[in-house]
N, C-alpha and C. Protein backbone atom coordinates (compact mmCIF):
# COMPACT_ATOMS: atom_id res chain seq x y z
N MET A 1 0.09 -8.82 62.94
CA MET A 1 0.32 -7.41 63.03
C MET A 1 1.22 -7.13 64.19
N SER A 2 2.01 -6.13 64.05
CA SER A 2 2.96 -5.77 65.10
C SER A 2 2.42 -4.69 66.00
N GLY A 3 1.17 -4.30 65.79
CA GLY A 3 0.59 -3.28 66.63
C GLY A 3 0.77 -1.90 66.06
N GLU A 4 1.58 -1.78 65.07
CA GLU A 4 1.75 -0.47 64.43
C GLU A 4 0.71 -0.36 63.33
N GLU A 5 0.07 0.81 63.28
CA GLU A 5 -0.94 1.02 62.25
C GLU A 5 -0.32 1.81 61.10
N ASP A 6 -0.76 1.50 59.95
CA ASP A 6 -0.27 2.21 58.77
C ASP A 6 -1.08 3.49 58.63
N ASP A 7 -0.39 4.64 58.72
CA ASP A 7 -1.07 5.94 58.64
C ASP A 7 -1.33 6.38 57.20
N THR A 8 -0.81 5.68 56.24
CA THR A 8 -1.03 6.11 54.85
C THR A 8 -2.44 5.78 54.44
N LEU A 9 -3.02 6.70 53.75
CA LEU A 9 -4.39 6.52 53.25
C LEU A 9 -4.33 5.98 51.83
N ASP A 10 -5.27 5.19 51.52
CA ASP A 10 -5.36 4.70 50.15
C ASP A 10 -6.07 5.75 49.30
N VAL A 11 -5.32 6.74 48.89
CA VAL A 11 -5.85 7.79 48.05
C VAL A 11 -5.56 7.40 46.61
N PRO A 12 -6.59 7.36 45.80
CA PRO A 12 -6.33 6.98 44.41
C PRO A 12 -5.47 8.03 43.73
N SER A 13 -4.56 7.54 42.91
CA SER A 13 -3.71 8.47 42.17
C SER A 13 -4.54 9.11 41.07
N PRO A 14 -4.16 10.31 40.67
CA PRO A 14 -4.92 10.97 39.61
C PRO A 14 -4.81 10.16 38.32
N PRO A 15 -5.83 10.23 37.51
CA PRO A 15 -5.79 9.48 36.25
C PRO A 15 -4.66 10.02 35.38
N PRO A 16 -4.08 9.17 34.57
CA PRO A 16 -3.01 9.63 33.69
C PRO A 16 -3.56 10.65 32.69
N ALA A 17 -2.69 11.51 32.25
CA ALA A 17 -3.10 12.51 31.26
C ALA A 17 -3.58 11.77 30.02
N PRO A 18 -4.62 12.28 29.40
CA PRO A 18 -5.13 11.59 28.21
C PRO A 18 -4.08 11.58 27.11
N ILE A 19 -4.01 10.47 26.45
CA ILE A 19 -3.07 10.34 25.33
C ILE A 19 -3.71 11.00 24.12
N PRO A 20 -3.00 11.93 23.51
CA PRO A 20 -3.58 12.59 22.33
C PRO A 20 -3.83 11.58 21.22
N SER A 21 -4.89 11.82 20.49
CA SER A 21 -5.21 10.93 19.37
C SER A 21 -4.13 11.07 18.30
N LYS A 22 -4.16 10.14 17.38
CA LYS A 22 -3.18 10.15 16.30
C LYS A 22 -3.27 11.45 15.51
N ASP A 23 -4.51 11.91 15.27
CA ASP A 23 -4.70 13.16 14.52
C ASP A 23 -4.14 14.35 15.29
N GLU A 24 -4.38 14.38 16.62
CA GLU A 24 -3.86 15.48 17.44
C GLU A 24 -2.34 15.45 17.46
N GLN A 25 -1.76 14.26 17.51
CA GLN A 25 -0.30 14.15 17.50
C GLN A 25 0.26 14.64 16.17
N LEU A 26 -0.44 14.36 15.09
CA LEU A 26 0.04 14.80 13.78
C LEU A 26 -0.07 16.32 13.63
N GLU A 27 -1.09 16.91 14.23
CA GLU A 27 -1.30 18.35 14.07
C GLU A 27 -0.35 19.18 14.93
N ASP A 28 0.07 18.66 16.08
CA ASP A 28 0.92 19.43 16.99
C ASP A 28 2.38 19.25 16.59
N VAL A 29 2.97 20.33 16.07
CA VAL A 29 4.37 20.26 15.65
C VAL A 29 5.30 20.95 16.63
N SER A 30 4.76 21.44 17.73
CA SER A 30 5.58 22.22 18.67
C SER A 30 6.70 21.40 19.31
N ASN A 31 6.54 20.08 19.38
CA ASN A 31 7.59 19.23 19.97
C ASN A 31 8.33 18.39 18.94
N CYS A 32 8.21 18.74 17.68
CA CYS A 32 8.86 17.93 16.65
C CYS A 32 10.37 18.17 16.66
N GLU A 33 11.09 17.25 16.07
CA GLU A 33 12.56 17.32 16.04
C GLU A 33 13.05 18.59 15.34
N ALA A 34 12.36 19.00 14.29
CA ALA A 34 12.78 20.20 13.55
C ALA A 34 12.77 21.42 14.46
N PHE A 35 11.72 21.55 15.27
CA PHE A 35 11.63 22.70 16.18
C PHE A 35 12.70 22.61 17.26
N LYS A 36 12.97 21.40 17.73
CA LYS A 36 14.02 21.22 18.74
C LYS A 36 15.39 21.61 18.19
N VAL A 37 15.66 21.24 16.96
CA VAL A 37 16.95 21.59 16.34
C VAL A 37 17.05 23.10 16.18
N LEU A 38 15.97 23.72 15.72
CA LEU A 38 15.99 25.18 15.56
C LEU A 38 16.20 25.88 16.90
N ASP A 39 15.51 25.39 17.95
CA ASP A 39 15.71 25.98 19.28
C ASP A 39 17.15 25.80 19.75
N ALA A 40 17.73 24.65 19.48
CA ALA A 40 19.13 24.40 19.87
C ALA A 40 20.07 25.32 19.11
N LEU A 41 19.79 25.56 17.85
CA LEU A 41 20.62 26.47 17.06
C LEU A 41 20.52 27.91 17.59
N VAL A 42 19.33 28.31 18.01
CA VAL A 42 19.17 29.65 18.58
C VAL A 42 19.96 29.76 19.88
N GLU A 43 19.86 28.72 20.72
CA GLU A 43 20.56 28.73 22.01
C GLU A 43 22.08 28.74 21.83
N SER A 44 22.55 28.09 20.80
CA SER A 44 24.00 28.05 20.59
C SER A 44 24.46 29.21 19.70
N PHE A 45 23.56 30.15 19.45
CA PHE A 45 23.84 31.34 18.62
C PHE A 45 24.20 30.96 17.19
N GLY A 46 23.71 29.83 16.76
CA GLY A 46 23.94 29.41 15.37
C GLY A 46 23.09 30.22 14.41
N ILE A 47 21.88 30.56 14.83
CA ILE A 47 20.99 31.39 14.00
C ILE A 47 20.22 32.34 14.91
N SER A 48 19.67 33.36 14.30
CA SER A 48 18.89 34.33 15.08
C SER A 48 17.50 33.79 15.38
N THR A 49 16.86 34.37 16.36
CA THR A 49 15.49 33.97 16.72
C THR A 49 14.54 34.22 15.57
N GLU A 50 14.73 35.34 14.87
CA GLU A 50 13.85 35.68 13.75
C GLU A 50 13.96 34.63 12.64
N ARG A 51 15.19 34.22 12.36
CA ARG A 51 15.41 33.22 11.31
C ARG A 51 14.79 31.87 11.73
N ALA A 52 14.93 31.52 12.99
CA ALA A 52 14.35 30.28 13.50
C ALA A 52 12.82 30.35 13.42
N ASP A 53 12.25 31.50 13.80
CA ASP A 53 10.80 31.66 13.74
C ASP A 53 10.29 31.57 12.30
N ALA A 54 11.05 32.15 11.37
CA ALA A 54 10.66 32.09 9.96
C ALA A 54 10.69 30.63 9.47
N ALA A 55 11.73 29.90 9.87
CA ALA A 55 11.84 28.48 9.48
C ALA A 55 10.70 27.67 10.09
N LYS A 56 10.37 27.96 11.35
CA LYS A 56 9.26 27.26 12.01
C LYS A 56 7.95 27.56 11.28
N SER A 57 7.77 28.79 10.87
CA SER A 57 6.55 29.17 10.16
C SER A 57 6.44 28.42 8.83
N ARG A 58 7.54 28.36 8.09
CA ARG A 58 7.53 27.63 6.82
C ARG A 58 7.27 26.14 7.06
N TYR A 59 7.89 25.60 8.10
CA TYR A 59 7.70 24.19 8.44
C TYR A 59 6.23 23.92 8.78
N PHE A 60 5.64 24.82 9.55
CA PHE A 60 4.24 24.66 9.95
C PHE A 60 3.32 24.69 8.73
N LYS A 61 3.59 25.62 7.78
CA LYS A 61 2.77 25.70 6.56
C LYS A 61 2.91 24.43 5.73
N LEU A 62 4.14 23.95 5.61
CA LEU A 62 4.37 22.72 4.86
C LEU A 62 3.67 21.54 5.54
N HIS A 63 3.79 21.47 6.85
CA HIS A 63 3.15 20.41 7.62
C HIS A 63 1.63 20.45 7.44
N SER A 64 1.06 21.65 7.44
CA SER A 64 -0.38 21.79 7.25
C SER A 64 -0.80 21.28 5.87
N LYS A 65 0.00 21.55 4.87
CA LYS A 65 -0.31 21.07 3.50
C LYS A 65 -0.24 19.55 3.44
N VAL A 66 0.73 18.97 4.13
CA VAL A 66 0.84 17.51 4.17
C VAL A 66 -0.41 16.91 4.83
N LEU A 67 -0.85 17.50 5.94
CA LEU A 67 -2.07 17.01 6.62
C LEU A 67 -3.29 17.16 5.71
N GLU A 68 -3.37 18.27 5.01
CA GLU A 68 -4.48 18.50 4.09
C GLU A 68 -4.46 17.45 2.98
N SER A 69 -3.27 17.17 2.47
CA SER A 69 -3.13 16.16 1.43
C SER A 69 -3.54 14.77 1.94
N MET A 70 -3.15 14.46 3.17
CA MET A 70 -3.53 13.17 3.76
C MET A 70 -5.04 13.07 3.93
N ALA A 71 -5.67 14.16 4.35
CA ALA A 71 -7.13 14.17 4.52
C ALA A 71 -7.82 13.98 3.16
N ASN A 72 -7.30 14.65 2.13
CA ASN A 72 -7.88 14.50 0.79
C ASN A 72 -7.71 13.07 0.28
N GLU A 73 -6.55 12.49 0.54
CA GLU A 73 -6.31 11.11 0.12
C GLU A 73 -7.27 10.15 0.83
N LYS A 74 -7.49 10.37 2.11
CA LYS A 74 -8.43 9.53 2.87
C LYS A 74 -9.84 9.68 2.30
N LYS A 75 -10.21 10.91 1.99
CA LYS A 75 -11.54 11.16 1.42
C LYS A 75 -11.70 10.44 0.08
N LEU A 76 -10.67 10.51 -0.76
CA LEU A 76 -10.72 9.84 -2.06
C LEU A 76 -10.78 8.32 -1.90
N LEU A 77 -10.03 7.79 -0.95
CA LEU A 77 -10.06 6.35 -0.71
C LEU A 77 -11.44 5.91 -0.22
N ASP A 78 -12.04 6.70 0.66
CA ASP A 78 -13.40 6.40 1.13
C ASP A 78 -14.39 6.42 -0.02
N GLN A 79 -14.24 7.43 -0.90
CA GLN A 79 -15.12 7.55 -2.05
C GLN A 79 -14.91 6.36 -2.99
N ALA A 80 -13.66 5.96 -3.20
CA ALA A 80 -13.37 4.81 -4.07
C ALA A 80 -13.98 3.53 -3.50
N ARG A 81 -13.88 3.35 -2.18
CA ARG A 81 -14.49 2.17 -1.55
C ARG A 81 -16.00 2.17 -1.74
N HIS A 82 -16.61 3.34 -1.57
CA HIS A 82 -18.06 3.47 -1.74
C HIS A 82 -18.45 3.12 -3.18
N LEU A 83 -17.72 3.66 -4.15
CA LEU A 83 -18.03 3.39 -5.55
C LEU A 83 -17.80 1.92 -5.89
N LYS A 84 -16.77 1.32 -5.31
CA LYS A 84 -16.50 -0.10 -5.54
C LYS A 84 -17.66 -0.95 -5.01
N ARG A 85 -18.15 -0.61 -3.79
CA ARG A 85 -19.30 -1.34 -3.24
C ARG A 85 -20.52 -1.18 -4.15
N LYS A 86 -20.72 0.04 -4.66
CA LYS A 86 -21.84 0.31 -5.55
C LYS A 86 -21.71 -0.51 -6.84
N LEU A 87 -20.51 -0.59 -7.37
CA LEU A 87 -20.26 -1.39 -8.57
C LEU A 87 -20.52 -2.87 -8.30
N ASP A 88 -20.04 -3.35 -7.16
CA ASP A 88 -20.26 -4.76 -6.81
C ASP A 88 -21.75 -5.08 -6.72
N VAL A 89 -22.51 -4.18 -6.11
CA VAL A 89 -23.96 -4.39 -6.00
C VAL A 89 -24.59 -4.38 -7.40
N SER A 90 -24.17 -3.46 -8.24
CA SER A 90 -24.71 -3.39 -9.61
C SER A 90 -24.40 -4.67 -10.37
N GLU A 91 -23.16 -5.17 -10.23
CA GLU A 91 -22.79 -6.40 -10.92
C GLU A 91 -23.61 -7.58 -10.40
N GLU A 92 -23.87 -7.60 -9.10
CA GLU A 92 -24.70 -8.66 -8.54
C GLU A 92 -26.10 -8.60 -9.11
N LEU A 93 -26.66 -7.38 -9.23
CA LEU A 93 -28.00 -7.23 -9.78
C LEU A 93 -28.05 -7.66 -11.25
N ILE A 94 -27.01 -7.32 -12.00
CA ILE A 94 -26.94 -7.72 -13.40
C ILE A 94 -26.87 -9.24 -13.50
N THR A 95 -26.04 -9.83 -12.65
CA THR A 95 -25.90 -11.29 -12.65
C THR A 95 -27.23 -11.95 -12.33
N ILE A 96 -27.94 -11.42 -11.35
CA ILE A 96 -29.24 -11.97 -10.98
C ILE A 96 -30.23 -11.82 -12.13
N LYS A 97 -30.22 -10.66 -12.78
CA LYS A 97 -31.19 -10.38 -13.84
C LYS A 97 -30.89 -11.17 -15.11
N PHE A 98 -29.61 -11.30 -15.49
CA PHE A 98 -29.25 -11.92 -16.76
C PHE A 98 -28.61 -13.30 -16.60
N GLY A 99 -28.67 -13.87 -15.43
CA GLY A 99 -28.11 -15.20 -15.24
C GLY A 99 -26.65 -15.13 -14.80
N THR A 100 -25.96 -16.21 -15.00
CA THR A 100 -24.59 -16.30 -14.48
C THR A 100 -23.59 -15.52 -15.33
N GLU A 101 -23.93 -15.25 -16.59
CA GLU A 101 -23.00 -14.50 -17.43
C GLU A 101 -23.07 -13.02 -17.07
N LEU A 102 -21.93 -12.45 -16.77
CA LEU A 102 -21.88 -11.05 -16.38
C LEU A 102 -21.51 -10.23 -17.61
N PHE A 103 -22.39 -9.32 -17.96
CA PHE A 103 -22.14 -8.47 -19.12
C PHE A 103 -21.23 -7.32 -18.74
N SER A 104 -20.34 -6.97 -19.64
CA SER A 104 -19.46 -5.83 -19.38
C SER A 104 -20.24 -4.55 -19.62
N TYR A 105 -19.67 -3.45 -19.15
CA TYR A 105 -20.31 -2.15 -19.33
C TYR A 105 -20.47 -1.86 -20.81
N THR A 106 -19.44 -2.19 -21.61
CA THR A 106 -19.49 -1.93 -23.05
C THR A 106 -20.63 -2.72 -23.68
N THR A 107 -20.75 -3.98 -23.31
CA THR A 107 -21.82 -4.81 -23.85
C THR A 107 -23.18 -4.21 -23.51
N LEU A 108 -23.33 -3.78 -22.26
CA LEU A 108 -24.60 -3.20 -21.85
C LEU A 108 -24.87 -1.89 -22.58
N THR A 109 -23.83 -1.09 -22.81
CA THR A 109 -24.01 0.18 -23.53
C THR A 109 -24.44 -0.09 -24.97
N VAL A 110 -23.79 -1.05 -25.62
CA VAL A 110 -24.16 -1.41 -26.99
C VAL A 110 -25.59 -1.95 -27.01
N PHE A 111 -25.92 -2.80 -26.05
CA PHE A 111 -27.28 -3.34 -25.95
C PHE A 111 -28.30 -2.21 -25.82
N LYS A 112 -27.99 -1.23 -24.98
CA LYS A 112 -28.89 -0.10 -24.76
C LYS A 112 -29.09 0.69 -26.05
N GLU A 113 -28.00 0.94 -26.80
CA GLU A 113 -28.10 1.68 -28.05
C GLU A 113 -28.92 0.90 -29.08
N HIS A 114 -28.68 -0.41 -29.15
CA HIS A 114 -29.47 -1.24 -30.08
C HIS A 114 -30.94 -1.23 -29.71
N PHE A 115 -31.22 -1.25 -28.43
CA PHE A 115 -32.60 -1.23 -27.96
C PHE A 115 -33.27 0.09 -28.36
N LYS A 116 -32.54 1.20 -28.19
CA LYS A 116 -33.10 2.51 -28.59
C LYS A 116 -33.40 2.54 -30.08
N LEU A 117 -32.44 2.03 -30.89
CA LEU A 117 -32.65 2.00 -32.34
C LEU A 117 -33.84 1.12 -32.70
N ALA A 118 -33.96 -0.01 -32.01
CA ALA A 118 -35.08 -0.92 -32.28
C ALA A 118 -36.40 -0.24 -31.95
N LEU A 119 -36.43 0.50 -30.85
CA LEU A 119 -37.65 1.22 -30.50
C LEU A 119 -37.98 2.28 -31.54
N GLN A 120 -36.95 3.02 -31.98
CA GLN A 120 -37.19 4.04 -33.00
C GLN A 120 -37.68 3.40 -34.29
N PHE A 121 -37.03 2.31 -34.67
CA PHE A 121 -37.42 1.63 -35.90
C PHE A 121 -38.84 1.08 -35.79
N SER A 122 -39.15 0.46 -34.66
CA SER A 122 -40.48 -0.11 -34.51
C SER A 122 -41.55 0.98 -34.49
N CYS A 123 -41.24 2.11 -33.89
CA CYS A 123 -42.20 3.23 -33.87
C CYS A 123 -42.39 3.78 -35.27
N CYS A 124 -41.29 3.91 -36.00
CA CYS A 124 -41.39 4.43 -37.36
C CYS A 124 -42.14 3.43 -38.24
N SER A 125 -41.85 2.13 -38.10
CA SER A 125 -42.51 1.10 -38.90
C SER A 125 -43.99 1.06 -38.57
N TRP A 126 -44.26 1.11 -37.31
CA TRP A 126 -45.66 1.06 -36.89
C TRP A 126 -46.41 2.25 -37.43
N HIS A 127 -45.76 3.42 -37.33
CA HIS A 127 -46.37 4.65 -37.80
C HIS A 127 -46.63 4.56 -39.30
N THR A 128 -45.67 3.99 -40.04
CA THR A 128 -45.84 3.88 -41.48
C THR A 128 -46.91 2.86 -41.82
N CYS A 129 -46.98 1.80 -41.05
CA CYS A 129 -47.97 0.76 -41.32
C CYS A 129 -49.39 1.27 -41.05
N VAL A 130 -49.55 2.09 -40.08
CA VAL A 130 -50.89 2.59 -39.73
C VAL A 130 -51.40 3.50 -40.81
N HIS A 131 -50.53 4.32 -41.40
CA HIS A 131 -50.98 5.28 -42.43
C HIS A 131 -51.10 4.61 -43.72
């Protein structure tokens, strides 16, 4: 040491501003290129402020519809995944119950109808035999 003391304090710097989530970034259109171009056109007297505001409003409505569509698509994909898992479990149960041969839905439907007819026939036959 040279005898000189360092007067600077070790003060922690403030934490960085939180990074907006992907959804927040998608929802905020105030800094998008379209708005910047419209603002530049207003500044250069290319268009009026009213016309720029109307364009921004239309852009915002369109953007909202796109986000809504994306949310609906995500919901449908989640639902499809859920139904696929449900189908896989059902197929596993069928395989366990009927052995290694996996019956198709059509085969099972036909089997079910034949079973109903057999029950009706056996009930009618039994009923006729008793009388």
